[in-house]
Amino acid sequence: MATILMYVYITILFISILTVLTEGLYEPLYNFRRDPDCRRNIDCPSYLCVAPKVPRCIMFECHCKDIPSDH
């Protein structure tokens, strides 16, 4: 009986630790994948877009927009 309880306690402990660690590892990845928040165009990171698009702040979110050409 004591060994069964010990097994249950250890299982709960490992599940708790695993839950804490996975949330801790997932959070930075979630923030990286999500569009960054901004107030101005300068707040948007340049790595967000691939040329010829540039990052622009629209409604407090960064989006990639085409550069108007001067032809």
PDB file of N, CA and C in Angstrom:
ATOM      1  N   MET A   1       0.826  -1.194   0.000  1.00  0.00           N
ATOM      2  CA  MET A   1       0.000   0.000   0.000  1.00  0.00           C
ATOM      3  C   MET A   1       0.872   1.261   0.000  1.00  0.00           C
ATOM      4  N   ALA A   2       1.926   1.251   0.792  1.00  0.00           N
ATOM      5  CA  ALA A   2       2.816   2.412   0.866  1.00  0.00           C
ATOM      6  C   ALA A   2       3.532   2.632  -0.463  1.00  0.00           C
ATOM      7  N   THR A   3       3.891   1.558  -1.138  1.00  0.00           N
ATOM      8  CA  THR A   3       4.581   1.717  -2.425  1.00  0.00           C
ATOM      9  C   THR A   3       3.638   2.277  -3.494  1.00  0.00           C
ATOM     10  N   ILE A   4       2.371   1.914  -3.419  1.00  0.00           N
ATOM     11  CA  ILE A   4       1.398   2.452  -4.376  1.00  0.00           C
ATOM     12  C   ILE A   4       1.225   3.954  -4.156  1.00  0.00           C
ATOM     13  N   LEU A   5       1.110   4.378  -2.900  1.00  0.00           N
ATOM     14  CA  LEU A   5       0.991   5.806  -2.604  1.00  0.00           C
ATOM     15  C   LEU A   5       2.241   6.572  -3.038  1.00  0.00           C
ATOM     16  N   MET A   6       3.407   5.992  -2.811  1.00  0.00           N
ATOM     17  CA  MET A   6       4.651   6.635  -3.216  1.00  0.00           C
ATOM     18  C   MET A   6       4.683   6.776  -4.744  1.00  0.00           C
ATOM     19  N   TYR A   7       4.243   5.758  -5.455  1.00  0.00           N
ATOM     20  CA  TYR A   7       4.189   5.813  -6.910  1.00  0.00           C
ATOM     21  C   TYR A   7       3.233   6.925  -7.370  1.00  0.00           C
ATOM     22  N   VAL A   8       2.091   7.041  -6.720  1.00  0.00           N
ATOM     23  CA  VAL A   8       1.120   8.087  -7.066  1.00  0.00           C
ATOM     24  C   VAL A   8       1.705   9.469  -6.787  1.00  0.00           C
ATOM     25  N   TYR A   9       2.349   9.661  -5.651  1.00  0.00           N
ATOM     26  CA  TYR A   9       2.957  10.949  -5.312  1.00  0.00           C
ATOM     27  C   TYR A   9       4.049  11.321  -6.320  1.00  0.00           C
ATOM     28  N   ILE A  10       4.885  10.366  -6.665  1.00  0.00           N
ATOM     29  CA  ILE A  10       5.968  10.634  -7.620  1.00  0.00           C
ATOM     30  C   ILE A  10       5.391  10.975  -8.994  1.00  0.00           C
ATOM     31  N   THR A  11       4.344  10.274  -9.393  1.00  0.00           N
ATOM     32  CA  THR A  11       3.702  10.558 -10.676  1.00  0.00           C
ATOM     33  C   THR A  11       3.119  11.970 -10.692  1.00  0.00           C
ATOM     34  N   ILE A  12       2.439  12.345  -9.629  1.00  0.00           N
ATOM     35  CA  ILE A  12       1.878  13.700  -9.533  1.00  0.00           C
ATOM     36  C   ILE A  12       2.993  14.740  -9.543  1.00  0.00           C
ATOM     37  N   LEU A  13       4.072  14.480  -8.851  1.00  0.00           N
ATOM     38  CA  LEU A  13       5.205  15.399  -8.813  1.00  0.00           C
ATOM     39  C   LEU A  13       5.796  15.590 -10.208  1.00  0.00           C
ATOM     40  N   PHE A  14       6.033  14.510 -10.927  1.00  0.00           N
ATOM     41  CA  PHE A  14       6.600  14.615 -12.268  1.00  0.00           C
ATOM     42  C   PHE A  14       5.650  15.313 -13.243  1.00  0.00           C
ATOM     43  N   ILE A  15       4.377  15.047 -13.129  1.00  0.00           N
ATOM     44  CA  ILE A  15       3.410  15.720 -13.999  1.00  0.00           C
ATOM     45  C   ILE A  15       3.383  17.220 -13.697  1.00  0.00           C
ATOM     46  N   SER A  16       3.458  17.576 -12.422  1.00  0.00           N
ATOM     47  CA  SER A  16       3.480  18.996 -12.045  1.00  0.00           C
ATOM     48  C   SER A  16       4.725  19.690 -12.587  1.00  0.00           C
ATOM     49  N   ILE A  17       5.867  19.058 -12.414  1.00  0.00           N
ATOM     50  CA  ILE A  17       7.122  19.640 -12.906  1.00  0.00           C
ATOM     51  C   ILE A  17       7.089  19.756 -14.426  1.00  0.00           C
ATOM     52  N   LEU A  18       6.597  18.735 -15.088  1.00  0.00           N
ATOM     53  CA  LEU A  18       6.511  18.758 -16.544  1.00  0.00           C
ATOM     54  C   LEU A  18       5.595  19.882 -17.034  1.00  0.00           C
ATOM     55  N   THR A  19       4.496  20.081 -16.350  1.00  0.00           N
ATOM     56  CA  THR A  19       3.567  21.151 -16.722  1.00  0.00           C
ATOM     57  C   THR A  19       4.220  22.520 -16.564  1.00  0.00           C
ATOM     58  N   VAL A  20       4.916  22.725 -15.472  1.00  0.00           N
ATOM     59  CA  VAL A  20       5.587  24.010 -15.232  1.00  0.00           C
ATOM     60  C   VAL A  20       6.673  24.242 -16.278  1.00  0.00           C
ATOM     61  N   LEU A  21       7.461  23.229 -16.579  1.00  0.00           N
ATOM     62  CA  LEU A  21       8.545  23.391 -17.542  1.00  0.00           C
ATOM     63  C   LEU A  21       8.031  23.635 -18.954  1.00  0.00           C
ATOM     64  N   THR A  22       7.014  22.941 -19.359  1.00  0.00           N
ATOM     65  CA  THR A  22       6.512  23.136 -20.720  1.00  0.00           C
ATOM     66  C   THR A  22       5.870  24.503 -20.886  1.00  0.00           C
ATOM     67  N   GLU A  23       5.203  25.006 -19.879  1.00  0.00           N
ATOM     68  CA  GLU A  23       4.651  26.359 -19.962  1.00  0.00           C
ATOM     69  C   GLU A  23       5.778  27.374 -20.014  1.00  0.00           C
ATOM     70  N   GLY A  24       6.841  27.146 -19.263  1.00  0.00           N
ATOM     71  CA  GLY A  24       7.976  28.056 -19.260  1.00  0.00           C
ATOM     72  C   GLY A  24       8.711  28.074 -20.583  1.00  0.00           C
ATOM     73  N   LEU A  25       8.784  26.932 -21.266  1.00  0.00           N
ATOM     74  CA  LEU A  25       9.448  26.878 -22.555  1.00  0.00           C
ATOM     75  C   LEU A  25       8.542  27.361 -23.677  1.00  0.00           C
ATOM     76  N   TYR A  26       7.250  27.191 -23.522  1.00  0.00           N
ATOM     77  CA  TYR A  26       6.320  27.557 -24.583  1.00  0.00           C
ATOM     78  C   TYR A  26       6.095  29.063 -24.655  1.00  0.00           C
ATOM     79  N   GLU A  27       6.130  29.743 -23.532  1.00  0.00           N
ATOM     80  CA  GLU A  27       5.794  31.170 -23.484  1.00  0.00           C
ATOM     81  C   GLU A  27       6.688  32.034 -24.380  1.00  0.00           C
ATOM     82  N   PRO A  28       8.034  31.902 -24.340  1.00  0.00           N
ATOM     83  CA  PRO A  28       8.838  32.741 -25.241  1.00  0.00           C
ATOM     84  C   PRO A  28       8.560  32.449 -26.712  1.00  0.00           C
ATOM     85  N   LEU A  29       8.301  31.194 -27.055  1.00  0.00           N
ATOM     86  CA  LEU A  29       7.996  30.852 -28.441  1.00  0.00           C
ATOM     87  C   LEU A  29       6.671  31.454 -28.857  1.00  0.00           C
ATOM     88  N   TYR A  30       5.724  31.486 -27.948  1.00  0.00           N
ATOM     89  CA  TYR A  30       4.420  32.070 -28.256  1.00  0.00           C
ATOM     90  C   TYR A  30       4.567  33.559 -28.543  1.00  0.00           C
ATOM     91  N   ASN A  31       5.363  34.245 -27.730  1.00  0.00           N
ATOM     92  CA  ASN A  31       5.557  35.679 -27.932  1.00  0.00           C
ATOM     93  C   ASN A  31       6.317  35.965 -29.220  1.00  0.00           C
ATOM     94  N   PHE A  32       7.222  35.063 -29.600  1.00  0.00           N
ATOM     95  CA  PHE A  32       7.990  35.273 -30.819  1.00  0.00           C
ATOM     96  C   PHE A  32       7.108  35.106 -32.058  1.00  0.00           C
ATOM     97  N   ARG A  33       6.218  34.141 -32.039  1.00  0.00           N
ATOM     98  CA  ARG A  33       5.368  33.867 -33.192  1.00  0.00           C
ATOM     99  C   ARG A  33       4.242  34.880 -33.333  1.00  0.00           C
ATOM    100  N   ARG A  34       3.796  35.413 -32.248  1.00  0.00           N
ATOM    101  CA  ARG A  34       2.701  36.372 -32.274  1.00  0.00           C
ATOM    102  C   ARG A  34       3.182  37.703 -32.843  1.00  0.00           C
ATOM    103  N   ASP A  35       2.312  38.422 -33.524  1.00  0.00           N
ATOM    104  CA  ASP A  35       2.680  39.742 -34.020  1.00  0.00           C
ATOM    105  C   ASP A  35       2.967  40.661 -32.836  1.00  0.00           C
ATOM    106  N   PRO A  36       4.111  41.360 -32.859  1.00  0.00           N
ATOM    107  CA  PRO A  36       4.457  42.237 -31.732  1.00  0.00           C
ATOM    108  C   PRO A  36       3.495  43.417 -31.610  1.00  0.00           C
ATOM    109  N   ASP A  37       3.338  43.892 -30.397  1.00  0.00           N
ATOM    110  CA  ASP A  37       2.522  45.081 -30.159  1.00  0.00           C
ATOM    111  C   ASP A  37       3.357  46.322 -30.465  1.00  0.00           C
ATOM    112  N   CYS A  38       2.691  47.389 -30.891  1.00  0.00           N
ATOM    113  CA  CYS A  38       3.427  48.604 -31.235  1.00  0.00           C
ATOM    114  C   CYS A  38       2.551  49.830 -31.022  1.00  0.00           C
ATOM    115  N   ARG A  39       3.209  50.981 -31.040  1.00  0.00           N
ATOM    116  CA  ARG A  39       2.520  52.266 -31.011  1.00  0.00           C
ATOM    117  C   ARG A  39       2.932  53.100 -32.233  1.00  0.00           C
ATOM    118  N   ARG A  40       4.163  52.875 -32.707  1.00  0.00           N
ATOM    119  CA  ARG A  40       4.686  53.586 -33.875  1.00  0.00           C
ATOM    120  C   ARG A  40       5.333  52.574 -34.820  1.00  0.00           C
ATOM    121  N   ASN A  41       5.616  52.989 -36.035  1.00  0.00           N
ATOM    122  CA  ASN A  41       6.258  52.097 -37.004  1.00  0.00           C
ATOM    123  C   ASN A  41       7.625  51.634 -36.524  1.00  0.00           C
ATOM    124  N   ILE A  42       8.329  52.487 -35.804  1.00  0.00           N
ATOM    125  CA  ILE A  42       9.673  52.150 -35.324  1.00  0.00           C
ATOM    126  C   ILE A  42       9.647  51.008 -34.301  1.00  0.00           C
ATOM    127  N   ASP A  43       8.511  50.778 -33.668  1.00  0.00           N
ATOM    128  CA  ASP A  43       8.386  49.715 -32.673  1.00  0.00           C
ATOM    129  C   ASP A  43       8.353  48.319 -33.303  1.00  0.00           C
ATOM    130  N   CYS A  44       8.090  48.230 -34.585  1.00  0.00           N
ATOM    131  CA  CYS A  44       7.999  46.931 -35.260  1.00  0.00           C
ATOM    132  C   CYS A  44       9.396  46.450 -35.648  1.00  0.00           C
ATOM    133  N   PRO A  45       9.750  45.212 -35.327  1.00  0.00           N
ATOM    134  CA  PRO A  45      11.086  44.704 -35.646  1.00  0.00           C
ATOM    135  C   PRO A  45      11.258  44.481 -37.150  1.00  0.00           C
ATOM    136  N   SER A  46      12.469  44.719 -37.628  1.00  0.00           N
ATOM    137  CA  SER A  46      12.735  44.600 -39.064  1.00  0.00           C
ATOM    138  C   SER A  46      12.722  43.147 -39.530  1.00  0.00           C
ATOM    139  N   TYR A  47      13.001  42.188 -38.638  1.00  0.00           N
ATOM    140  CA  TYR A  47      13.022  40.775 -39.038  1.00  0.00           C
ATOM    141  C   TYR A  47      11.623  40.230 -39.318  1.00  0.00           C
ATOM    142  N   LEU A  48      10.612  41.008 -39.034  1.00  0.00           N
ATOM    143  CA  LEU A  48       9.237  40.554 -39.214  1.00  0.00           C
ATOM    144  C   LEU A  48       8.882  40.394 -40.690  1.00  0.00           C
ATOM    145  N   CYS A  49       9.479  41.198 -41.551  1.00  0.00           N
ATOM    146  CA  CYS A  49       9.088  41.217 -42.965  1.00  0.00           C
ATOM    147  C   CYS A  49      10.259  40.859 -43.871  1.00  0.00           C
ATOM    148  N   VAL A  50       9.906  40.363 -45.057  1.00  0.00           N
ATOM    149  CA  VAL A  50      10.884  40.051 -46.096  1.00  0.00           C
ATOM    150  C   VAL A  50      10.742  41.108 -47.186  1.00  0.00           C
ATOM    151  N   ALA A  51      11.880  41.597 -47.705  1.00  0.00           N
ATOM    152  CA  ALA A  51      11.865  42.640 -48.734  1.00  0.00           C
ATOM    153  C   ALA A  51      11.027  42.182 -49.920  1.00  0.00           C
ATOM    154  N   PRO A  52      10.307  43.041 -50.542  1.00  0.00           N
ATOM    155  CA  PRO A  52      10.266  44.502 -50.463  1.00  0.00           C
ATOM    156  C   PRO A  52       9.259  45.031 -49.453  1.00  0.00           C
ATOM    157  N   LYS A  53       8.767  44.196 -48.584  1.00  0.00           N
ATOM    158  CA  LYS A  53       7.794  44.655 -47.584  1.00  0.00           C
ATOM    159  C   LYS A  53       8.513  45.249 -46.379  1.00  0.00           C
ATOM    160  N   VAL A  54       7.839  46.166 -45.711  1.00  0.00           N
ATOM    161  CA  VAL A  54       8.395  46.808 -44.520  1.00  0.00           C
ATOM    162  C   VAL A  54       7.391  46.698 -43.378  1.00  0.00           C
ATOM    163  N   PRO A  55       7.884  46.646 -42.141  1.00  0.00           N
ATOM    164  CA  PRO A  55       6.960  46.558 -41.005  1.00  0.00           C
ATOM    165  C   PRO A  55       6.274  47.892 -40.738  1.00  0.00           C
ATOM    166  N   ARG A  56       4.981  47.835 -40.519  1.00  0.00           N
ATOM    167  CA  ARG A  56       4.191  49.024 -40.209  1.00  0.00           C
ATOM    168  C   ARG A  56       3.288  48.737 -39.020  1.00  0.00           C
ATOM    169  N   CYS A  57       3.083  49.755 -38.202  1.00  0.00           N
ATOM    170  CA  CYS A  57       2.208  49.640 -37.039  1.00  0.00           C
ATOM    171  C   CYS A  57       0.799  50.052 -37.452  1.00  0.00           C
ATOM    172  N   ILE A  58      -0.119  49.101 -37.403  1.00  0.00           N
ATOM    173  CA  ILE A  58      -1.509  49.359 -37.778  1.00  0.00           C
ATOM    174  C   ILE A  58      -2.396  48.850 -36.655  1.00  0.00           C
ATOM    175  N   MET A  59      -3.142  49.764 -36.058  1.00  0.00           N
ATOM    176  CA  MET A  59      -4.063  49.408 -34.964  1.00  0.00           C
ATOM    177  C   MET A  59      -3.330  48.662 -33.834  1.00  0.00           C
ATOM    178  N   PHE A  60      -2.133  49.144 -33.473  1.00  0.00           N
ATOM    179  CA  PHE A  60      -1.321  48.621 -32.372  1.00  0.00           C
ATOM    180  C   PHE A  60      -0.794  47.211 -32.621  1.00  0.00           C
ATOM    181  N   GLU A  61      -0.725  46.778 -33.878  1.00  0.00           N
ATOM    182  CA  GLU A  61      -0.124  45.495 -34.248  1.00  0.00           C
ATOM    183  C   GLU A  61       0.800  45.716 -35.437  1.00  0.00           C
ATOM    184  N   CYS A  62       1.909  44.971 -35.469  1.00  0.00           N
ATOM    185  CA  CYS A  62       2.853  45.076 -36.574  1.00  0.00           C
ATOM    186  C   CYS A  62       2.388  44.206 -37.742  1.00  0.00           C
ATOM    187  N   HIS A  63       2.409  44.802 -38.938  1.00  0.00           N
ATOM    188  CA  HIS A  63       2.038  44.091 -40.161  1.00  0.00           C
ATOM    189  C   HIS A  63       3.049  44.432 -41.242  1.00  0.00           C
ATOM    190  N   CYS A  64       3.197  43.541 -42.213  1.00  0.00           N
ATOM    191  CA  CYS A  64       4.090  43.785 -43.343  1.00  0.00           C
ATOM    192  C   CYS A  64       3.306  44.422 -44.482  1.00  0.00           C
ATOM    193  N   LYS A  65       3.819  45.537 -44.977  1.00  0.00           N
ATOM    194  CA  LYS A  65       3.162  46.252 -46.073  1.00  0.00           C
ATOM    195  C   LYS A  65       4.173  46.508 -47.186  1.00  0.00           C
ATOM    196  N   ASP A  66       3.683  46.557 -48.431  1.00  0.00           N
ATOM    197  CA  ASP A  66       4.538  46.850 -49.583  1.00  0.00           C
ATOM    198  C   ASP A  66       4.969  48.307 -49.568  1.00  0.00           C
ATOM    199  N   ILE A  67       6.194  48.549 -50.053  1.00  0.00           N
ATOM    200  CA  ILE A  67       6.687  49.916 -50.200  1.00  0.00           C
ATOM    201  C   ILE A  67       6.138  50.458 -51.513  1.00  0.00           C
ATOM    202  N   PRO A  68       5.530  51.638 -51.499  1.00  0.00           N
ATOM    203  CA  PRO A  68       5.057  52.197 -52.769  1.00  0.00           C
ATOM    204  C   PRO A  68       6.244  52.558 -53.656  1.00  0.00           C
ATOM    205  N   SER A  69       6.174  52.180 -54.925  1.00  0.00           N
ATOM    206  CA  SER A  69       7.281  52.461 -55.846  1.00  0.00           C
ATOM    207  C   SER A  69       7.127  53.861 -56.441  1.00  0.00           C
ATOM    208  N   ASP A  70       8.263  54.482 -56.767  1.00  0.00           N
ATOM    209  CA  ASP A  70       8.272  55.844 -57.320  1.00  0.00           C
ATOM    210  C   ASP A  70       8.487  55.796 -58.832  1.00  0.00           C
ATOM    211  N   HIS A  71       7.649  55.094 -59.579  1.00  0.00           N
ATOM    212  CA  HIS A  71       7.812  54.987 -61.037  1.00  0.00           C
ATOM    213  C   HIS A  71       6.995  56.014 -61.728  1.00  0.00           C
TER     214      HIS A  71
END
